PDB file of N, CA and C in Angstrom:
ATOM      1  N   UNK A   1       0.839  -1.176   0.000  1.00  0.00           N
ATOM      2  CA  UNK A   1       0.000   0.000   0.000  1.00  0.00           C
ATOM      3  C   UNK A   1       0.886   1.240   0.000  1.00  0.00           C
ATOM      4  N   UNK A   2       0.881   1.955  -1.106  1.00  0.00           N
ATOM      5  CA  UNK A   2       1.742   3.122  -1.245  1.00  0.00           C
ATOM      6  C   UNK A   2       1.172   4.304  -0.477  1.00  0.00           C
ATOM      7  N   UNK A   3       2.041   5.052   0.158  1.00  0.00           N
ATOM      8  CA  UNK A   3       1.620   6.267   0.866  1.00  0.00           C
ATOM      9  C   UNK A   3       1.762   7.442  -0.093  1.00  0.00           C
ATOM     10  N   UNK A   4       0.920   7.442  -1.122  1.00  0.00           N
ATOM     11  CA  UNK A   4       1.007   8.439  -2.175  1.00  0.00           C
ATOM     12  C   UNK A   4      -0.390   8.860  -2.585  1.00  0.00           C
ATOM     13  N   UNK A   5      -0.555  10.137  -2.858  1.00  0.00           N
ATOM     14  CA  UNK A   5      -1.841  10.663  -3.311  1.00  0.00           C
ATOM     15  C   UNK A   5      -2.073  10.219  -4.754  1.00  0.00           C
ATOM     16  N   UNK A   6      -3.264   9.684  -5.035  1.00  0.00           N
ATOM     17  CA  UNK A   6      -3.578   9.223  -6.380  1.00  0.00           C
ATOM     18  C   UNK A   6      -3.873  10.380  -7.330  1.00  0.00           C
ATOM     19  N   UNK A   7      -4.118  11.574  -6.823  1.00  0.00           N
ATOM     20  CA  UNK A   7      -4.442  12.724  -7.664  1.00  0.00           C
ATOM     21  C   UNK A   7      -3.175  13.498  -8.050  1.00  0.00           C
ATOM     22  N   UNK A   8      -2.436  13.969  -7.053  1.00  0.00           N
ATOM     23  CA  UNK A   8      -1.276  14.825  -7.342  1.00  0.00           C
ATOM     24  C   UNK A   8       0.057  14.086  -7.250  1.00  0.00           C
ATOM     25  N   UNK A   9       0.069  12.882  -6.675  1.00  0.00           N
ATOM     26  CA  UNK A   9       1.311  12.118  -6.578  1.00  0.00           C
ATOM     27  C   UNK A   9       2.180  12.486  -5.390  1.00  0.00           C
ATOM     28  N   UNK A  10       1.631  13.270  -4.461  1.00  0.00           N
ATOM     29  CA  UNK A  10       2.400  13.663  -3.278  1.00  0.00           C
ATOM     30  C   UNK A  10       2.724  12.431  -2.445  1.00  0.00           C
ATOM     31  N   UNK A  11       3.989  12.279  -2.054  1.00  0.00           N
ATOM     32  CA  UNK A  11       4.431  11.131  -1.274  1.00  0.00           C
ATOM     33  C   UNK A  11       5.219  11.576  -0.059  1.00  0.00           C
ATOM     34  N   UNK A  12       5.862  10.634   0.623  1.00  0.00           N
ATOM     35  CA  UNK A  12       6.623  10.991   1.819  1.00  0.00           C
ATOM     36  C   UNK A  12       7.856  11.833   1.489  1.00  0.00           C
ATOM     37  N   UNK A  13       8.191  12.725   2.418  1.00  0.00           N
ATOM     38  CA  UNK A  13       9.401  13.528   2.312  1.00  0.00           C
ATOM     39  C   UNK A  13      10.272  13.218   3.517  1.00  0.00           C
ATOM     40  N   UNK A  14      11.571  13.461   3.386  1.00  0.00           N
ATOM     41  CA  UNK A  14      12.503  13.143   4.453  1.00  0.00           C
ATOM     42  C   UNK A  14      13.164  14.408   4.959  1.00  0.00           C
ATOM     43  N   UNK A  15      13.419  14.424   6.267  1.00  0.00           N
ATOM     44  CA  UNK A  15      14.066  15.568   6.882  1.00  0.00           C
ATOM     45  C   UNK A  15      14.642  15.166   8.223  1.00  0.00           C
ATOM     46  N   UNK A  16      14.903  16.150   9.056  1.00  0.00           N
ATOM     47  CA  UNK A  16      15.494  15.906  10.366  1.00  0.00           C
ATOM     48  C   UNK A  16      14.578  16.391  11.473  1.00  0.00           C
ATOM     49  N   UNK A  17      14.540  15.623  12.570  1.00  0.00           N
ATOM     50  CA  UNK A  17      13.994  16.133  13.822  1.00  0.00           C
ATOM     51  C   UNK A  17      15.183  16.758  14.544  1.00  0.00           C
ATOM     52  N   UNK A  18      15.008  17.967  15.060  1.00  0.00           N
ATOM     53  CA  UNK A  18      16.110  18.670  15.713  1.00  0.00           C
ATOM     54  C   UNK A  18      15.731  18.923  17.161  1.00  0.00           C
ATOM     55  N   UNK A  19      16.518  18.385  18.090  1.00  0.00           N
ATOM     56  CA  UNK A  19      16.245  18.557  19.514  1.00  0.00           C
ATOM     57  C   UNK A  19      16.763  19.910  19.990  1.00  0.00           C
ATOM     58  N   UNK A  20      16.472  20.211  21.240  1.00  0.00           N
ATOM     59  CA  UNK A  20      16.930  21.468  21.831  1.00  0.00           C
ATOM     60  C   UNK A  20      18.457  21.529  21.848  1.00  0.00           C
ATOM     61  N   UNK A  21      19.112  20.372  22.010  1.00  0.00           N
ATOM     62  CA  UNK A  21      20.573  20.305  22.010  1.00  0.00           C
ATOM     63  C   UNK A  21      21.131  20.256  20.587  1.00  0.00           C
ATOM     64  N   UNK A  22      20.247  20.404  19.599  1.00  0.00           N
ATOM     65  CA  UNK A  22      20.594  20.435  18.178  1.00  0.00           C
ATOM     66  C   UNK A  22      21.087  19.082  17.662  1.00  0.00           C
ATOM     67  N   UNK A  23      20.639  17.998  18.314  1.00  0.00           N
ATOM     68  CA  UNK A  23      20.902  16.663  17.779  1.00  0.00           C
ATOM     69  C   UNK A  23      19.910  16.405  16.658  1.00  0.00           C
ATOM     70  N   UNK A  24      20.402  15.854  15.551  1.00  0.00           N
ATOM     71  CA  UNK A  24      19.535  15.610  14.403  1.00  0.00           C
ATOM     72  C   UNK A  24      19.337  14.113  14.202  1.00  0.00           C
ATOM     73  N   UNK A  25      18.092  13.710  14.012  1.00  0.00           N
ATOM     74  CA  UNK A  25      17.775  12.332  13.654  1.00  0.00           C
ATOM     75  C   UNK A  25      16.855  12.369  12.445  1.00  0.00           C
ATOM     76  N   UNK A  26      17.012  11.395  11.554  1.00  0.00           N
ATOM     77  CA  UNK A  26      16.227  11.367  10.325  1.00  0.00           C
ATOM     78  C   UNK A  26      14.755  11.099  10.640  1.00  0.00           C
ATOM     79  N   UNK A  27      13.890  11.697   9.842  1.00  0.00           N
ATOM     80  CA  UNK A  27      12.457  11.595  10.078  1.00  0.00           C
ATOM     81  C   UNK A  27      11.737  11.589   8.738  1.00  0.00           C
ATOM     82  N   UNK A  28      10.661  10.811   8.642  1.00  0.00           N
ATOM     83  CA  UNK A  28       9.859  10.754   7.421  1.00  0.00           C
ATOM     84  C   UNK A  28       8.561  11.517   7.647  1.00  0.00           C
ATOM     85  N   UNK A  29       8.290  12.494   6.788  1.00  0.00           N
ATOM     86  CA  UNK A  29       7.056  13.266   6.842  1.00  0.00           C
ATOM     87  C   UNK A  29       6.077  12.651   5.855  1.00  0.00           C
ATOM     88  N   UNK A  30       4.960  12.117   6.367  1.00  0.00           N
ATOM     89  CA  UNK A  30       3.981  11.448   5.517  1.00  0.00           C
ATOM     90  C   UNK A  30       2.863  12.412   5.130  1.00  0.00           C
ATOM     91  N   UNK A  31       2.331  12.277   3.911  1.00  0.00           N
ATOM     92  CA  UNK A  31       1.204  13.121   3.520  1.00  0.00           C
ATOM     93  C   UNK A  31      -0.056  12.723   4.278  1.00  0.00           C
ATOM     94  N   UNK A  32      -0.965  13.675   4.463  1.00  0.00           N
ATOM     95  CA  UNK A  32      -2.215  13.446   5.184  1.00  0.00           C
ATOM     96  C   UNK A  32      -3.228  12.850   4.209  1.00  0.00           C
ATOM     97  N   UNK A  33      -3.248  11.506   4.118  1.00  0.00           N
ATOM     98  CA  UNK A  33      -4.075  10.820   3.126  1.00  0.00           C
ATOM     99  C   UNK A  33      -5.426  10.414   3.691  1.00  0.00           C
ATOM    100  N   UNK A  34      -6.446  10.496   2.839  1.00  0.00           N
ATOM    101  CA  UNK A  34      -7.797  10.051   3.164  1.00  0.00           C
ATOM    102  C   UNK A  34      -8.243   9.094   2.077  1.00  0.00           C
ATOM    103  N   UNK A  35      -8.929   8.033   2.460  1.00  0.00           N
ATOM    104  CA  UNK A  35      -9.469   7.081   1.500  1.00  0.00           C
ATOM    105  C   UNK A  35     -10.915   7.464   1.213  1.00  0.00           C
ATOM    106  N   UNK A  36     -11.196   7.854  -0.041  1.00  0.00           N
ATOM    107  CA  UNK A  36     -12.543   8.279  -0.420  1.00  0.00           C
ATOM    108  C   UNK A  36     -12.992   7.500  -1.646  1.00  0.00           C
ATOM    109  N   UNK A  37     -14.299   7.512  -1.895  1.00  0.00           N
ATOM    110  CA  UNK A  37     -14.840   6.900  -3.102  1.00  0.00           C
ATOM    111  C   UNK A  37     -15.004   7.986  -4.153  1.00  0.00           C
ATOM    112  N   UNK A  38     -14.412   7.765  -5.320  1.00  0.00           N
ATOM    113  CA  UNK A  38     -14.471   8.717  -6.415  1.00  0.00           C
ATOM    114  C   UNK A  38     -14.868   7.960  -7.671  1.00  0.00           C
ATOM    115  N   UNK A  39     -16.045   8.248  -8.212  1.00  0.00           N
ATOM    116  CA  UNK A  39     -16.585   7.558  -9.393  1.00  0.00           C
ATOM    117  C   UNK A  39     -16.696   6.053  -9.164  1.00  0.00           C
ATOM    118  N   UNK A  40     -17.093   5.658  -7.959  1.00  0.00           N
ATOM    119  CA  UNK A  40     -17.291   4.250  -7.638  1.00  0.00           C
ATOM    120  C   UNK A  40     -16.030   3.489  -7.292  1.00  0.00           C
ATOM    121  N   UNK A  41     -14.863   4.132  -7.354  1.00  0.00           N
ATOM    122  CA  UNK A  41     -13.600   3.480  -7.003  1.00  0.00           C
ATOM    123  C   UNK A  41     -13.042   4.122  -5.745  1.00  0.00           C
ATOM    124  N   UNK A  42     -12.363   3.317  -4.918  1.00  0.00           N
ATOM    125  CA  UNK A  42     -11.755   3.843  -3.703  1.00  0.00           C
ATOM    126  C   UNK A  42     -10.351   4.336  -4.043  1.00  0.00           C
ATOM    127  N   UNK A  43     -10.089   5.607  -3.737  1.00  0.00           N
ATOM    128  CA  UNK A  43      -8.790   6.212  -4.022  1.00  0.00           C
ATOM    129  C   UNK A  43      -8.262   6.894  -2.769  1.00  0.00           C
ATOM    130  N   UNK A  44      -6.940   7.039  -2.712  1.00  0.00           N
ATOM    131  CA  UNK A  44      -6.296   7.748  -1.613  1.00  0.00           C
ATOM    132  C   UNK A  44      -5.972   9.160  -2.072  1.00  0.00           C
ATOM    133  N   UNK A  45      -6.464  10.145  -1.318  1.00  0.00           N
ATOM    134  CA  UNK A  45      -6.340  11.547  -1.702  1.00  0.00           C
ATOM    135  C   UNK A  45      -5.767  12.321  -0.524  1.00  0.00           C
ATOM    136  N   UNK A  46      -4.821  13.222  -0.799  1.00  0.00           N
ATOM    137  CA  UNK A  46      -4.270  14.055   0.273  1.00  0.00           C
ATOM    138  C   UNK A  46      -5.261  15.161   0.616  1.00  0.00           C
ATOM    139  N   UNK A  47      -5.081  15.769   1.772  1.00  0.00           N
ATOM    140  CA  UNK A  47      -6.002  16.801   2.260  1.00  0.00           C
ATOM    141  C   UNK A  47      -6.064  17.998   1.324  1.00  0.00           C
ATOM    142  N   UNK A  48      -4.941  18.361   0.719  1.00  0.00           N
ATOM    143  CA  UNK A  48      -4.917  19.501  -0.192  1.00  0.00           C
ATOM    144  C   UNK A  48      -5.808  19.250  -1.398  1.00  0.00           C
ATOM    145  N   UNK A  49      -5.712  18.059  -1.988  1.00  0.00           N
ATOM    146  CA  UNK A  49      -6.549  17.709  -3.142  1.00  0.00           C
ATOM    147  C   UNK A  49      -8.010  17.603  -2.733  1.00  0.00           C
ATOM    148  N   UNK A  50      -8.270  17.072  -1.542  1.00  0.00           N
ATOM    149  CA  UNK A  50      -9.642  16.939  -1.056  1.00  0.00           C
ATOM    150  C   UNK A  50     -10.285  18.318  -0.901  1.00  0.00           C
ATOM    151  N   UNK A  51      -9.549  19.278  -0.357  1.00  0.00           N
ATOM    152  CA  UNK A  51     -10.050  20.647  -0.214  1.00  0.00           C
ATOM    153  C   UNK A  51     -10.307  21.271  -1.580  1.00  0.00           C
ATOM    154  N   UNK A  52      -9.391  21.055  -2.518  1.00  0.00           N
ATOM    155  CA  UNK A  52      -9.546  21.606  -3.857  1.00  0.00           C
ATOM    156  C   UNK A  52     -10.782  21.032  -4.536  1.00  0.00           C
ATOM    157  N   UNK A  53     -11.011  19.722  -4.373  1.00  0.00           N
ATOM    158  CA  UNK A  53     -12.181  19.077  -4.973  1.00  0.00           C
ATOM    159  C   UNK A  53     -13.468  19.611  -4.355  1.00  0.00           C
ATOM    160  N   UNK A  54     -13.479  19.814  -3.023  1.00  0.00           N
ATOM    161  CA  UNK A  54     -14.682  20.313  -2.362  1.00  0.00           C
ATOM    162  C   UNK A  54     -14.974  21.762  -2.752  1.00  0.00           C
ATOM    163  N   UNK A  55     -13.924  22.551  -2.997  1.00  0.00           N
ATOM    164  CA  UNK A  55     -14.116  23.939  -3.415  1.00  0.00           C
ATOM    165  C   UNK A  55     -14.703  24.016  -4.817  1.00  0.00           C
ATOM    166  N   UNK A  56     -14.311  23.095  -5.696  1.00  0.00           N
ATOM    167  CA  UNK A  56     -14.757  23.154  -7.088  1.00  0.00           C
ATOM    168  C   UNK A  56     -16.185  22.654  -7.271  1.00  0.00           C
ATOM    169  N   UNK A  57     -16.732  21.958  -6.264  1.00  0.00           N
ATOM    170  CA  UNK A  57     -18.106  21.438  -6.376  1.00  0.00           C
ATOM    171  C   UNK A  57     -19.109  22.463  -5.914  1.00  0.00           C
TER     172      UNK A  57
END
């Protein structure tokens, strides 16, 4: 199961968590995905695309 938006293709990004002592550890930022039904098919859509779709309706 891919963590990717089926509309825009947005996927995970990588970066660092930085503590107060400035220690860095790698971190994965995942997109905010929602599973919705679109034209009778279940698709995974990020929040940005979901908002855009709701605005256009």
